[in-house]
Amino acid sequence: MSTFTRAPSALWTELDGQFLLMNIENGSYFEVVGIGSVIWHQLDTPRSEADIVDHLTAHYRVDRETCARDVRSFLERLLAASLITQESGPPPGADSAAAG
């Protein structure tokens, strides 16, 4: 399972309820409001796409399919701007099988 987190080169600030995100290495930037801000908060620690969708569907009136599609699109845009990173592997906190 892949996890996503903020890129080390991503700078951000909150201003009047919106987030301004900038990649200091390539100069790309985003203005993020609404649900995008909630997702950005979620990315302060590694999260799977499913974790983000679970959080949003638990707190907002949105069907899972629409939410999953929109989250995927948002994550892809942040990845393309190098504002987040994607790691493959077990989800954070998952216990590995003990050798015995």
N, C-alpha and C. Protein backbone atom coordinates (compact mmCIF):
# COMPACT_ATOMS: atom_id res chain seq x y z
N MET A 1 0.84 -1.17 0.00
CA MET A 1 0.00 0.00 0.00
C MET A 1 0.89 1.24 0.00
N SER A 2 0.51 2.21 -0.79
CA SER A 2 1.25 3.46 -0.86
C SER A 2 0.80 4.42 0.22
N THR A 3 1.75 5.19 0.71
CA THR A 3 1.42 6.27 1.63
C THR A 3 1.93 7.58 1.07
N PHE A 4 1.29 8.64 1.46
CA PHE A 4 1.62 9.97 0.98
C PHE A 4 1.94 10.86 2.18
N THR A 5 2.87 11.77 2.00
CA THR A 5 3.20 12.75 3.04
C THR A 5 3.72 14.01 2.37
N ARG A 6 3.80 15.07 3.12
CA ARG A 6 4.33 16.32 2.59
C ARG A 6 5.80 16.15 2.22
N ALA A 7 6.18 16.73 1.11
CA ALA A 7 7.58 16.69 0.68
C ALA A 7 8.42 17.60 1.56
N PRO A 8 9.67 17.20 1.82
CA PRO A 8 10.55 18.06 2.62
C PRO A 8 10.76 19.44 2.00
N SER A 9 10.65 19.52 0.68
CA SER A 9 10.87 20.80 0.00
C SER A 9 9.60 21.65 -0.08
N ALA A 10 8.51 21.18 0.53
CA ALA A 10 7.25 21.93 0.49
C ALA A 10 7.19 22.92 1.66
N LEU A 11 7.01 24.16 1.31
CA LEU A 11 6.75 25.20 2.31
C LEU A 11 5.26 25.53 2.24
N TRP A 12 4.68 25.87 3.36
CA TRP A 12 3.28 26.23 3.34
C TRP A 12 2.96 27.19 4.46
N THR A 13 1.89 27.92 4.24
CA THR A 13 1.38 28.82 5.26
C THR A 13 -0.13 28.90 5.11
N GLU A 14 -0.79 29.19 6.20
CA GLU A 14 -2.24 29.37 6.18
C GLU A 14 -2.53 30.86 6.25
N LEU A 15 -3.39 31.33 5.38
CA LEU A 15 -3.71 32.74 5.31
C LEU A 15 -5.20 32.90 5.04
N ASP A 16 -5.93 33.45 5.99
CA ASP A 16 -7.37 33.68 5.83
C ASP A 16 -8.13 32.44 5.39
N GLY A 17 -7.84 31.30 6.01
CA GLY A 17 -8.58 30.09 5.73
C GLY A 17 -8.14 29.32 4.50
N GLN A 18 -7.11 29.77 3.84
CA GLN A 18 -6.58 29.02 2.70
C GLN A 18 -5.12 28.72 2.94
N PHE A 19 -4.65 27.69 2.29
CA PHE A 19 -3.24 27.33 2.40
C PHE A 19 -2.53 27.72 1.12
N LEU A 20 -1.36 28.27 1.27
CA LEU A 20 -0.49 28.56 0.15
C LEU A 20 0.67 27.57 0.25
N LEU A 21 0.83 26.73 -0.76
CA LEU A 21 1.86 25.69 -0.79
C LEU A 21 2.86 26.03 -1.87
N MET A 22 4.16 25.81 -1.58
CA MET A 22 5.19 26.08 -2.58
C MET A 22 6.31 25.06 -2.43
N ASN A 23 6.76 24.56 -3.57
CA ASN A 23 7.93 23.69 -3.60
C ASN A 23 9.13 24.59 -3.84
N ILE A 24 10.05 24.64 -2.86
CA ILE A 24 11.18 25.56 -2.96
C ILE A 24 12.21 25.11 -3.99
N GLU A 25 12.15 23.85 -4.41
CA GLU A 25 13.12 23.36 -5.40
C GLU A 25 12.72 23.70 -6.82
N ASN A 26 11.41 23.69 -7.12
CA ASN A 26 11.01 23.93 -8.51
C ASN A 26 10.07 25.13 -8.67
N GLY A 27 9.70 25.78 -7.57
CA GLY A 27 8.88 26.98 -7.65
C GLY A 27 7.40 26.74 -7.89
N SER A 28 6.96 25.49 -7.95
CA SER A 28 5.54 25.24 -8.16
C SER A 28 4.77 25.62 -6.90
N TYR A 29 3.54 26.10 -7.09
CA TYR A 29 2.75 26.49 -5.94
C TYR A 29 1.27 26.23 -6.16
N PHE A 30 0.54 26.13 -5.08
CA PHE A 30 -0.89 25.89 -5.08
C PHE A 30 -1.53 26.79 -4.05
N GLU A 31 -2.75 27.18 -4.31
CA GLU A 31 -3.63 27.77 -3.30
C GLU A 31 -4.66 26.70 -3.01
N VAL A 32 -4.82 26.35 -1.74
CA VAL A 32 -5.71 25.26 -1.35
C VAL A 32 -6.72 25.78 -0.35
N VAL A 33 -7.99 25.47 -0.60
CA VAL A 33 -9.07 25.85 0.31
C VAL A 33 -9.99 24.65 0.52
N GLY A 34 -10.90 24.77 1.45
CA GLY A 34 -11.93 23.75 1.66
C GLY A 34 -11.36 22.39 2.00
N ILE A 35 -11.86 21.38 1.32
CA ILE A 35 -11.47 20.00 1.58
C ILE A 35 -9.99 19.79 1.29
N GLY A 36 -9.45 20.51 0.34
CA GLY A 36 -8.01 20.43 0.07
C GLY A 36 -7.20 20.76 1.31
N SER A 37 -7.67 21.72 2.10
CA SER A 37 -7.00 22.08 3.35
C SER A 37 -7.05 20.93 4.35
N VAL A 38 -8.18 20.24 4.39
CA VAL A 38 -8.32 19.09 5.28
C VAL A 38 -7.34 18.00 4.87
N ILE A 39 -7.24 17.75 3.57
CA ILE A 39 -6.31 16.73 3.07
C ILE A 39 -4.88 17.14 3.41
N TRP A 40 -4.53 18.40 3.21
CA TRP A 40 -3.18 18.87 3.51
C TRP A 40 -2.86 18.63 4.99
N HIS A 41 -3.80 18.91 5.87
CA HIS A 41 -3.60 18.63 7.30
C HIS A 41 -3.35 17.14 7.52
N GLN A 42 -4.08 16.29 6.83
CA GLN A 42 -3.92 14.85 6.98
C GLN A 42 -2.51 14.40 6.59
N LEU A 43 -1.88 15.12 5.67
CA LEU A 43 -0.58 14.71 5.15
C LEU A 43 0.59 15.15 6.04
N ASP A 44 0.29 15.60 7.25
CA ASP A 44 1.39 15.94 8.16
C ASP A 44 2.11 14.68 8.62
N THR A 45 1.46 13.54 8.52
CA THR A 45 2.09 12.24 8.75
C THR A 45 1.71 11.35 7.57
N PRO A 46 2.50 10.32 7.30
CA PRO A 46 2.19 9.45 6.16
C PRO A 46 0.78 8.85 6.26
N ARG A 47 0.03 8.95 5.19
CA ARG A 47 -1.34 8.44 5.12
C ARG A 47 -1.55 7.73 3.80
N SER A 48 -2.33 6.68 3.85
CA SER A 48 -2.71 6.03 2.59
C SER A 48 -3.87 6.82 1.99
N GLU A 49 -4.08 6.63 0.72
CA GLU A 49 -5.20 7.27 0.05
C GLU A 49 -6.51 6.82 0.71
N ALA A 50 -6.61 5.54 1.05
CA ALA A 50 -7.81 5.01 1.70
C ALA A 50 -8.04 5.66 3.06
N ASP A 51 -6.96 5.93 3.81
CA ASP A 51 -7.09 6.61 5.11
C ASP A 51 -7.70 8.00 4.93
N ILE A 52 -7.25 8.69 3.91
CA ILE A 52 -7.76 10.05 3.65
C ILE A 52 -9.23 9.98 3.27
N VAL A 53 -9.57 9.05 2.39
CA VAL A 53 -10.97 8.89 1.97
C VAL A 53 -11.82 8.51 3.17
N ASP A 54 -11.35 7.59 4.01
CA ASP A 54 -12.09 7.20 5.21
C ASP A 54 -12.37 8.42 6.10
N HIS A 55 -11.36 9.23 6.32
CA HIS A 55 -11.51 10.42 7.16
C HIS A 55 -12.56 11.37 6.57
N LEU A 56 -12.46 11.63 5.29
CA LEU A 56 -13.38 12.57 4.66
C LEU A 56 -14.82 12.06 4.64
N THR A 57 -15.01 10.78 4.32
CA THR A 57 -16.37 10.25 4.28
C THR A 57 -16.98 10.15 5.67
N ALA A 58 -16.15 10.04 6.71
CA ALA A 58 -16.65 10.00 8.08
C ALA A 58 -17.07 11.39 8.57
N HIS A 59 -16.49 12.44 8.01
CA HIS A 59 -16.74 13.79 8.51
C HIS A 59 -17.57 14.68 7.57
N TYR A 60 -17.75 14.26 6.33
CA TYR A 60 -18.47 15.08 5.36
C TYR A 60 -19.48 14.23 4.61
N ARG A 61 -20.51 14.87 4.12
CA ARG A 61 -21.54 14.17 3.35
C ARG A 61 -21.08 14.06 1.90
N VAL A 62 -20.43 12.97 1.62
CA VAL A 62 -19.94 12.70 0.26
C VAL A 62 -19.91 11.19 0.08
N ASP A 63 -20.31 10.74 -1.10
CA ASP A 63 -20.26 9.29 -1.31
C ASP A 63 -18.81 8.87 -1.56
N ARG A 64 -18.53 7.65 -1.19
CA ARG A 64 -17.16 7.14 -1.21
C ARG A 64 -16.54 7.19 -2.61
N GLU A 65 -17.30 6.84 -3.62
CA GLU A 65 -16.76 6.82 -4.99
C GLU A 65 -16.33 8.21 -5.45
N THR A 66 -17.18 9.19 -5.23
CA THR A 66 -16.85 10.57 -5.61
C THR A 66 -15.64 11.06 -4.81
N CYS A 67 -15.66 10.79 -3.53
CA CYS A 67 -14.56 11.21 -2.66
C CYS A 67 -13.24 10.59 -3.11
N ALA A 68 -13.26 9.28 -3.36
CA ALA A 68 -12.04 8.58 -3.78
C ALA A 68 -11.50 9.16 -5.09
N ARG A 69 -12.38 9.45 -6.03
CA ARG A 69 -11.96 10.03 -7.32
C ARG A 69 -11.34 11.41 -7.11
N ASP A 70 -11.98 12.23 -6.29
CA ASP A 70 -11.48 13.59 -6.06
C ASP A 70 -10.17 13.59 -5.27
N VAL A 71 -10.06 12.71 -4.28
CA VAL A 71 -8.81 12.60 -3.52
C VAL A 71 -7.68 12.17 -4.44
N ARG A 72 -7.91 11.17 -5.28
CA ARG A 72 -6.90 10.69 -6.22
C ARG A 72 -6.44 11.83 -7.12
N SER A 73 -7.37 12.60 -7.65
CA SER A 73 -7.03 13.72 -8.53
C SER A 73 -6.19 14.76 -7.79
N PHE A 74 -6.58 15.09 -6.57
CA PHE A 74 -5.84 16.08 -5.78
C PHE A 74 -4.43 15.59 -5.47
N LEU A 75 -4.32 14.33 -5.04
CA LEU A 75 -2.99 13.78 -4.74
C LEU A 75 -2.10 13.76 -5.98
N GLU A 76 -2.67 13.42 -7.13
CA GLU A 76 -1.89 13.40 -8.37
C GLU A 76 -1.36 14.79 -8.71
N ARG A 77 -2.18 15.81 -8.48
CA ARG A 77 -1.74 17.18 -8.76
C ARG A 77 -0.62 17.60 -7.81
N LEU A 78 -0.75 17.22 -6.53
CA LEU A 78 0.31 17.54 -5.57
C LEU A 78 1.59 16.77 -5.88
N LEU A 79 1.45 15.51 -6.30
CA LEU A 79 2.63 14.72 -6.70
C LEU A 79 3.32 15.35 -7.90
N ALA A 80 2.55 15.76 -8.89
CA ALA A 80 3.12 16.36 -10.11
C ALA A 80 3.88 17.64 -9.78
N ALA A 81 3.43 18.36 -8.76
CA ALA A 81 4.11 19.60 -8.34
C ALA A 81 5.21 19.32 -7.32
N SER A 82 5.43 18.05 -7.00
CA SER A 82 6.44 17.63 -6.01
C SER A 82 6.21 18.25 -4.64
N LEU A 83 4.94 18.45 -4.29
CA LEU A 83 4.60 18.98 -2.98
C LEU A 83 4.38 17.87 -1.95
N ILE A 84 4.15 16.65 -2.45
CA ILE A 84 4.04 15.48 -1.58
C ILE A 84 4.89 14.36 -2.16
N THR A 85 5.16 13.37 -1.33
CA THR A 85 5.89 12.19 -1.79
C THR A 85 5.01 10.97 -1.60
N GLN A 86 5.31 9.94 -2.37
CA GLN A 86 4.57 8.68 -2.31
C GLN A 86 5.56 7.57 -2.01
N GLU A 87 5.25 6.78 -1.01
CA GLU A 87 6.10 5.66 -0.61
C GLU A 87 5.30 4.38 -0.72
N SER A 88 5.92 3.34 -1.20
CA SER A 88 5.26 2.03 -1.24
C SER A 88 5.70 1.22 -0.04
N GLY A 89 4.83 0.38 0.43
CA GLY A 89 5.15 -0.47 1.56
C GLY A 89 4.00 -0.58 2.50
N PRO A 90 4.23 -1.19 3.65
CA PRO A 90 3.15 -1.34 4.63
C PRO A 90 2.75 0.02 5.20
N PRO A 91 1.51 0.16 5.60
CA PRO A 91 1.08 1.43 6.18
C PRO A 91 1.81 1.71 7.47
N PRO A 92 1.96 2.98 7.82
CA PRO A 92 2.65 3.34 9.06
C PRO A 92 2.01 2.64 10.25
N GLY A 93 2.85 2.15 11.15
CA GLY A 93 2.36 1.50 12.35
C GLY A 93 1.99 0.05 12.18
N ALA A 94 2.07 -0.45 10.94
CA ALA A 94 1.73 -1.85 10.73
C ALA A 94 2.82 -2.72 11.30
N ASP A 95 2.42 -3.76 12.01
CA ASP A 95 3.40 -4.68 12.58
C ASP A 95 3.87 -5.62 11.50
N SER A 96 5.19 -5.81 11.44
CA SER A 96 5.72 -6.78 10.50
C SER A 96 5.66 -8.14 11.16
N ALA A 97 5.60 -9.15 10.33
CA ALA A 97 5.51 -10.52 10.85
C ALA A 97 6.81 -10.84 11.60
N ALA A 98 6.66 -11.35 12.77
CA ALA A 98 7.83 -11.70 13.59
C ALA A 98 8.42 -13.02 13.12
N ALA A 99 9.72 -13.03 12.98
CA ALA A 99 10.40 -14.27 12.61
C ALA A 99 10.43 -15.16 13.83
N GLY A 100 10.08 -16.43 13.65
CA GLY A 100 10.01 -17.19 14.86
C GLY A 100 10.50 -18.51 14.73
